[in-house]
All heavy atoms as atom14 arrays in JSON, in Angstrom:
{
  "sequence": "KLELVKIVQPGAKWISSFDVHPGGDNLVVGS",
  "atom14_mask": [
    [1, 1, 1, 1, 1, 1, 1, 1, 1, 0, 0, 0, 0, 0],
    [1, 1, 1, 1, 1, 1, 1, 1, 0, 0, 0, 0, 0, 0],
    [1, 1, 1, 1, 1, 1, 1, 1, 1, 0, 0, 0, 0, 0],
    [1, 1, 1, 1, 1, 1, 1, 1, 0, 0, 0, 0, 0, 0],
    [1, 1, 1, 1, 1, 1, 1, 0, 0, 0, 0, 0, 0, 0],
    [1, 1, 1, 1, 1, 1, 1, 1, 1, 0, 0, 0, 0, 0],
    [1, 1, 1, 1, 1, 1, 1, 1, 0, 0, 0, 0, 0, 0],
    [1, 1, 1, 1, 1, 1, 1, 0, 0, 0, 0, 0, 0, 0],
    [1, 1, 1, 1, 1, 1, 1, 1, 1, 0, 0, 0, 0, 0],
    [1, 1, 1, 1, 1, 1, 1, 0, 0, 0, 0, 0, 0, 0],
    [1, 1, 1, 1, 0, 0, 0, 0, 0, 0, 0, 0, 0, 0],
    [1, 1, 1, 1, 1, 0, 0, 0, 0, 0, 0, 0, 0, 0],
    [1, 1, 1, 1, 1, 1, 1, 1, 1, 0, 0, 0, 0, 0],
    [1, 1, 1, 1, 1, 1, 1, 1, 1, 1, 1, 1, 1, 1],
    [1, 1, 1, 1, 1, 1, 1, 1, 0, 0, 0, 0, 0, 0],
    [1, 1, 1, 1, 1, 1, 0, 0, 0, 0, 0, 0, 0, 0],
    [1, 1, 1, 1, 1, 1, 0, 0, 0, 0, 0, 0, 0, 0],
    [1, 1, 1, 1, 1, 1, 1, 1, 1, 1, 1, 0, 0, 0],
    [1, 1, 1, 1, 1, 1, 1, 1, 0, 0, 0, 0, 0, 0],
    [1, 1, 1, 1, 1, 1, 1, 0, 0, 0, 0, 0, 0, 0],
    [1, 1, 1, 1, 1, 1, 1, 1, 1, 1, 0, 0, 0, 0],
    [1, 1, 1, 1, 1, 1, 1, 0, 0, 0, 0, 0, 0, 0],
    [1, 1, 1, 1, 0, 0, 0, 0, 0, 0, 0, 0, 0, 0],
    [1, 1, 1, 1, 0, 0, 0, 0, 0, 0, 0, 0, 0, 0],
    [1, 1, 1, 1, 1, 1, 1, 1, 0, 0, 0, 0, 0, 0],
    [1, 1, 1, 1, 1, 1, 1, 1, 0, 0, 0, 0, 0, 0],
    [1, 1, 1, 1, 1, 1, 1, 1, 0, 0, 0, 0, 0, 0],
    [1, 1, 1, 1, 1, 1, 1, 0, 0, 0, 0, 0, 0, 0],
    [1, 1, 1, 1, 1, 1, 1, 0, 0, 0, 0, 0, 0, 0],
    [1, 1, 1, 1, 0, 0, 0, 0, 0, 0, 0, 0, 0, 0],
    [1, 1, 1, 1, 1, 1, 0, 0, 0, 0, 0, 0, 0, 0]
  ],
  "atom14_positions": [
    [[-8.39, -22.23, 48.95], [-9.11, -21.46, 49.97], [-10.32, -22.22, 50.51], [-10.95, -21.77, 51.46], [-9.58, -20.13, 49.37], [-8.45, -19.25, 48.88], [-9.02, -17.99, 48.23], [-7.93, -17.2, 47.52], [-8.45, -16.42, 46.39], [0.0, 0.0, 0.0], [0.0, 0.0, 0.0], [0.0, 0.0, 0.0], [0.0, 0.0, 0.0], [0.0, 0.0, 0.0]],
    [[-10.65, -23.35, 49.87], [-11.85, -24.12, 50.22], [-13.09, -23.23, 50.25], [-13.87, -23.25, 51.2], [-11.67, -24.85, 51.55], [-10.84, -26.13, 51.47], [-10.81, -26.84, 52.81], [-11.35, -27.08, 50.39], [0.0, 0.0, 0.0], [0.0, 0.0, 0.0], [0.0, 0.0, 0.0], [0.0, 0.0, 0.0], [0.0, 0.0, 0.0], [0.0, 0.0, 0.0]],
    [[-13.23, -22.4, 49.19], [-14.43, -21.58, 49.12], [-15.11, -21.74, 47.77], [-14.49, -22.1, 46.78], [-14.11, -20.11, 49.42], [-13.17, -19.47, 48.41], [-12.77, -18.05, 48.82], [-12.69, -17.76, 50.03], [-12.51, -17.24, 47.91], [0.0, 0.0, 0.0], [0.0, 0.0, 0.0], [0.0, 0.0, 0.0], [0.0, 0.0, 0.0], [0.0, 0.0, 0.0]],
    [[-16.42, -21.47, 47.77], [-17.22, -21.6, 46.55], [-16.89, -20.46, 45.59], [-16.9, -19.29, 45.98], [-18.7, -21.57, 46.94], [-19.73, -21.77, 45.83], [-19.59, -23.15, 45.21], [-21.14, -21.6, 46.4], [0.0, 0.0, 0.0], [0.0, 0.0, 0.0], [0.0, 0.0, 0.0], [0.0, 0.0, 0.0], [0.0, 0.0, 0.0], [0.0, 0.0, 0.0]],
    [[-16.57, -20.8, 44.33], [-16.22, -19.8, 43.33], [-17.43, -19.47, 42.45], [-17.7, -18.32, 42.16], [-15.06, -20.29, 42.43], [-14.7, -19.24, 41.39], [-13.84, -20.65, 43.27], [0.0, 0.0, 0.0], [0.0, 0.0, 0.0], [0.0, 0.0, 0.0], [0.0, 0.0, 0.0], [0.0, 0.0, 0.0], [0.0, 0.0, 0.0], [0.0, 0.0, 0.0]],
    [[-18.15, -20.5, 41.98], [-19.34, -20.24, 41.17], [-20.28, -21.43, 41.18], [-19.88, -22.54, 41.51], [-18.97, -19.83, 39.74], [-18.45, -20.95, 38.86], [-18.33, -20.49, 37.4], [-17.24, -19.47, 37.2], [-17.05, -19.09, 35.79], [0.0, 0.0, 0.0], [0.0, 0.0, 0.0], [0.0, 0.0, 0.0], [0.0, 0.0, 0.0], [0.0, 0.0, 0.0]],
    [[-21.53, -21.16, 40.8], [-22.53, -22.21, 40.67], [-23.05, -22.19, 39.24], [-23.49, -21.15, 38.76], [-23.69, -22.03, 41.68], [-23.17, -22.04, 43.12], [-24.73, -23.13, 41.47], [-24.24, -21.85, 44.17], [0.0, 0.0, 0.0], [0.0, 0.0, 0.0], [0.0, 0.0, 0.0], [0.0, 0.0, 0.0], [0.0, 0.0, 0.0], [0.0, 0.0, 0.0]],
    [[-22.96, -23.32, 38.57], [-23.43, -23.46, 37.2], [-24.81, -24.11, 37.24], [-25.01, -25.11, 37.93], [-22.45, -24.32, 36.38], [-22.97, -24.55, 34.97], [-21.07, -23.68, 36.34], [0.0, 0.0, 0.0], [0.0, 0.0, 0.0], [0.0, 0.0, 0.0], [0.0, 0.0, 0.0], [0.0, 0.0, 0.0], [0.0, 0.0, 0.0], [0.0, 0.0, 0.0]],
    [[-25.76, -23.51, 36.49], [-27.15, -24.0, 36.49], [-27.51, -24.51, 35.09], [-27.93, -23.72, 34.25], [-28.11, -22.86, 36.86], [-27.83, -22.2, 38.2], [-28.34, -23.01, 39.37], [-28.92, -24.07, 39.2], [-28.1, -22.53, 40.58], [0.0, 0.0, 0.0], [0.0, 0.0, 0.0], [0.0, 0.0, 0.0], [0.0, 0.0, 0.0], [0.0, 0.0, 0.0]],
    [[-27.34, -25.8, 34.84], [-27.61, -26.29, 33.48], [-29.09, -26.27, 33.09], [-29.41, -26.32, 31.91], [-27.1, -27.75, 33.51], [-26.22, -27.83, 34.71], [-26.78, -26.85, 35.71], [0.0, 0.0, 0.0], [0.0, 0.0, 0.0], [0.0, 0.0, 0.0], [0.0, 0.0, 0.0], [0.0, 0.0, 0.0], [0.0, 0.0, 0.0], [0.0, 0.0, 0.0]],
    [[-30.0, -26.21, 34.07], [-31.41, -26.27, 33.73], [-31.89, -27.69, 33.52], [-32.95, -27.91, 32.94], [0.0, 0.0, 0.0], [0.0, 0.0, 0.0], [0.0, 0.0, 0.0], [0.0, 0.0, 0.0], [0.0, 0.0, 0.0], [0.0, 0.0, 0.0], [0.0, 0.0, 0.0], [0.0, 0.0, 0.0], [0.0, 0.0, 0.0], [0.0, 0.0, 0.0]],
    [[-31.12, -28.66, 33.98], [-31.54, -30.06, 33.88], [-32.26, -30.44, 35.17], [-32.0, -29.88, 36.23], [-30.32, -30.96, 33.69], [0.0, 0.0, 0.0], [0.0, 0.0, 0.0], [0.0, 0.0, 0.0], [0.0, 0.0, 0.0], [0.0, 0.0, 0.0], [0.0, 0.0, 0.0], [0.0, 0.0, 0.0], [0.0, 0.0, 0.0], [0.0, 0.0, 0.0]],
    [[-33.17, -31.42, 35.06], [-33.89, -31.88, 36.27], [-32.99, -32.76, 37.14], [-33.12, -32.79, 38.35], [-35.14, -32.67, 35.87], [-36.21, -31.84, 35.21], [-37.53, -32.61, 35.17], [-38.6, -31.84, 34.42], [-38.39, -31.91, 32.95], [0.0, 0.0, 0.0], [0.0, 0.0, 0.0], [0.0, 0.0, 0.0], [0.0, 0.0, 0.0], [0.0, 0.0, 0.0]],
    [[-32.11, -33.54, 36.48], [-31.27, -34.46, 37.25], [-29.99, -34.72, 36.46], [-30.01, -35.4, 35.44], [-32.02, -35.76, 37.52], [-31.36, -36.66, 38.53], [-30.04, -36.7, 38.87], [-32.0, -37.67, 39.33], [-29.81, -37.65, 39.83], [-31.0, -38.26, 40.13], [-33.32, -38.12, 39.43], [-31.28, -39.3, 41.03], [-33.58, -39.15, 40.32], [-32.58, -39.73, 41.12]],
    [[-28.89, -34.13, 36.93], [-27.59, -34.28, 36.26], [-27.06, -35.69, 36.5], [-27.05, -36.18, 37.64], [-26.59, -33.24, 36.8], [-27.06, -31.82, 36.45], [-25.18, -33.5, 36.27], [-26.33, -30.72, 37.2], [0.0, 0.0, 0.0], [0.0, 0.0, 0.0], [0.0, 0.0, 0.0], [0.0, 0.0, 0.0], [0.0, 0.0, 0.0], [0.0, 0.0, 0.0]],
    [[-26.61, -36.34, 35.43], [-26.0, -37.67, 35.58], [-24.49, -37.59, 35.55], [-23.8, -38.39, 36.18], [-26.46, -38.59, 34.44], [-26.01, -38.1, 33.18], [0.0, 0.0, 0.0], [0.0, 0.0, 0.0], [0.0, 0.0, 0.0], [0.0, 0.0, 0.0], [0.0, 0.0, 0.0], [0.0, 0.0, 0.0], [0.0, 0.0, 0.0], [0.0, 0.0, 0.0]],
    [[-23.96, -36.63, 34.81], [-22.53, -36.65, 34.5], [-22.12, -35.3, 33.95], [-22.95, -34.53, 33.47], [-22.26, -37.72, 33.44], [-23.18, -37.56, 32.36], [0.0, 0.0, 0.0], [0.0, 0.0, 0.0], [0.0, 0.0, 0.0], [0.0, 0.0, 0.0], [0.0, 0.0, 0.0], [0.0, 0.0, 0.0], [0.0, 0.0, 0.0], [0.0, 0.0, 0.0]],
    [[-20.82, -35.01, 34.04], [-20.29, -33.82, 33.38], [-18.8, -34.06, 33.13], [-18.2, -34.95, 33.72], [-20.52, -32.55, 34.2], [-19.65, -32.44, 35.43], [-18.41, -31.82, 35.39], [-20.08, -32.98, 36.65], [-17.6, -31.74, 36.53], [-19.29, -32.9, 37.79], [-18.04, -32.28, 37.72], [0.0, 0.0, 0.0], [0.0, 0.0, 0.0], [0.0, 0.0, 0.0]],
    [[-18.22, -33.26, 32.24], [-16.79, -33.34, 32.0], [-16.29, -31.94, 31.66], [-16.98, -31.18, 30.99], [-16.49, -34.32, 30.86], [-15.03, -34.78, 30.84], [-14.36, -34.69, 31.89], [-14.56, -35.2, 29.77], [0.0, 0.0, 0.0], [0.0, 0.0, 0.0], [0.0, 0.0, 0.0], [0.0, 0.0, 0.0], [0.0, 0.0, 0.0], [0.0, 0.0, 0.0]],
    [[-15.08, -31.63, 32.13], [-14.49, -30.32, 31.88], [-13.58, -30.44, 30.65], [-12.79, -31.38, 30.55], [-13.66, -29.83, 33.09], [-13.21, -28.39, 32.88], [-14.46, -29.95, 34.39], [0.0, 0.0, 0.0], [0.0, 0.0, 0.0], [0.0, 0.0, 0.0], [0.0, 0.0, 0.0], [0.0, 0.0, 0.0], [0.0, 0.0, 0.0], [0.0, 0.0, 0.0]],
    [[-13.72, -29.51, 29.72], [-12.87, -29.48, 28.53], [-11.4, -29.34, 28.95], [-11.11, -28.64, 29.92], [-13.29, -28.31, 27.64], [-12.57, -28.25, 26.34], [-11.39, -27.56, 26.16], [-12.86, -28.81, 25.14], [-10.99, -27.7, 24.91], [-11.86, -28.45, 24.27], [0.0, 0.0, 0.0], [0.0, 0.0, 0.0], [0.0, 0.0, 0.0], [0.0, 0.0, 0.0]],
    [[-10.47, -30.0, 28.23], [-9.05, -29.93, 28.62], [-8.52, -28.5, 28.71], [-7.59, -28.23, 29.47], [-8.32, -30.7, 27.52], [-9.35, -31.56, 26.87], [-10.68, -30.91, 27.09], [0.0, 0.0, 0.0], [0.0, 0.0, 0.0], [0.0, 0.0, 0.0], [0.0, 0.0, 0.0], [0.0, 0.0, 0.0], [0.0, 0.0, 0.0], [0.0, 0.0, 0.0]],
    [[-9.11, -27.57, 27.94], [-8.71, -26.17, 28.03], [-9.16, -25.48, 29.3], [-8.66, -24.42, 29.66], [0.0, 0.0, 0.0], [0.0, 0.0, 0.0], [0.0, 0.0, 0.0], [0.0, 0.0, 0.0], [0.0, 0.0, 0.0], [0.0, 0.0, 0.0], [0.0, 0.0, 0.0], [0.0, 0.0, 0.0], [0.0, 0.0, 0.0], [0.0, 0.0, 0.0]],
    [[-10.13, -26.06, 29.98], [-10.54, -25.6, 31.29], [-11.68, -24.59, 31.34], [-12.18, -24.3, 32.42], [0.0, 0.0, 0.0], [0.0, 0.0, 0.0], [0.0, 0.0, 0.0], [0.0, 0.0, 0.0], [0.0, 0.0, 0.0], [0.0, 0.0, 0.0], [0.0, 0.0, 0.0], [0.0, 0.0, 0.0], [0.0, 0.0, 0.0], [0.0, 0.0, 0.0]],
    [[-12.11, -24.04, 30.2], [-13.12, -22.97, 30.24], [-14.52, -23.41, 29.82], [-15.44, -22.6, 29.81], [-12.68, -21.8, 29.36], [-11.42, -21.14, 29.89], [-11.25, -21.1, 31.12], [-10.6, -20.67, 29.07], [0.0, 0.0, 0.0], [0.0, 0.0, 0.0], [0.0, 0.0, 0.0], [0.0, 0.0, 0.0], [0.0, 0.0, 0.0], [0.0, 0.0, 0.0]],
    [[-14.67, -24.67, 29.42], [-15.98, -25.15, 28.98], [-16.28, -26.47, 29.67], [-15.37, -27.23, 29.99], [-16.0, -25.35, 27.47], [-15.89, -24.04, 26.7], [-16.88, -23.43, 26.35], [-14.66, -23.59, 26.48], [0.0, 0.0, 0.0], [0.0, 0.0, 0.0], [0.0, 0.0, 0.0], [0.0, 0.0, 0.0], [0.0, 0.0, 0.0], [0.0, 0.0, 0.0]],
    [[-17.57, -26.75, 29.88], [-17.9, -28.09, 30.34], [-19.16, -28.58, 29.66], [-19.99, -27.81, 29.19], [-17.96, -28.2, 31.86], [-18.9, -27.45, 32.75], [-20.25, -28.15, 32.81], [-18.33, -27.47, 34.17], [0.0, 0.0, 0.0], [0.0, 0.0, 0.0], [0.0, 0.0, 0.0], [0.0, 0.0, 0.0], [0.0, 0.0, 0.0], [0.0, 0.0, 0.0]],
    [[-19.25, -29.91, 29.58], [-20.42, -30.53, 28.98], [-21.1, -31.37, 30.06], [-20.43, -31.99, 30.89], [-20.04, -31.34, 27.71], [-19.18, -32.54, 28.02], [-21.26, -31.74, 26.92], [0.0, 0.0, 0.0], [0.0, 0.0, 0.0], [0.0, 0.0, 0.0], [0.0, 0.0, 0.0], [0.0, 0.0, 0.0], [0.0, 0.0, 0.0], [0.0, 0.0, 0.0]],
    [[-22.43, -31.31, 30.09], [-23.23, -31.93, 31.15], [-24.26, -32.86, 30.52], [-24.89, -32.5, 29.53], [-23.97, -30.84, 31.97], [-24.75, -31.46, 33.12], [-23.0, -29.78, 32.49], [0.0, 0.0, 0.0], [0.0, 0.0, 0.0], [0.0, 0.0, 0.0], [0.0, 0.0, 0.0], [0.0, 0.0, 0.0], [0.0, 0.0, 0.0], [0.0, 0.0, 0.0]],
    [[-24.4, -34.04, 31.09], [-25.46, -34.96, 30.65], [-26.5, -35.11, 31.74], [-26.18, -35.0, 32.93], [0.0, 0.0, 0.0], [0.0, 0.0, 0.0], [0.0, 0.0, 0.0], [0.0, 0.0, 0.0], [0.0, 0.0, 0.0], [0.0, 0.0, 0.0], [0.0, 0.0, 0.0], [0.0, 0.0, 0.0], [0.0, 0.0, 0.0], [0.0, 0.0, 0.0]],
    [[-27.75, -35.37, 31.34], [-28.81, -35.48, 32.34], [-29.71, -36.68, 32.09], [-29.85, -37.14, 30.95], [-29.65, -34.2, 32.39], [-30.55, -34.16, 31.29], [0.0, 0.0, 0.0], [0.0, 0.0, 0.0], [0.0, 0.0, 0.0], [0.0, 0.0, 0.0], [0.0, 0.0, 0.0], [0.0, 0.0, 0.0], [0.0, 0.0, 0.0], [0.0, 0.0, 0.0]]
  ]
}
């Protein structure tokens, strides 16, 4: 649909990287 579904707010000042867990429901973010 090319529409925004959600916005995740990690609380980091500057995100460097992230990865989605293979199960699809979790992600890990580095800053």
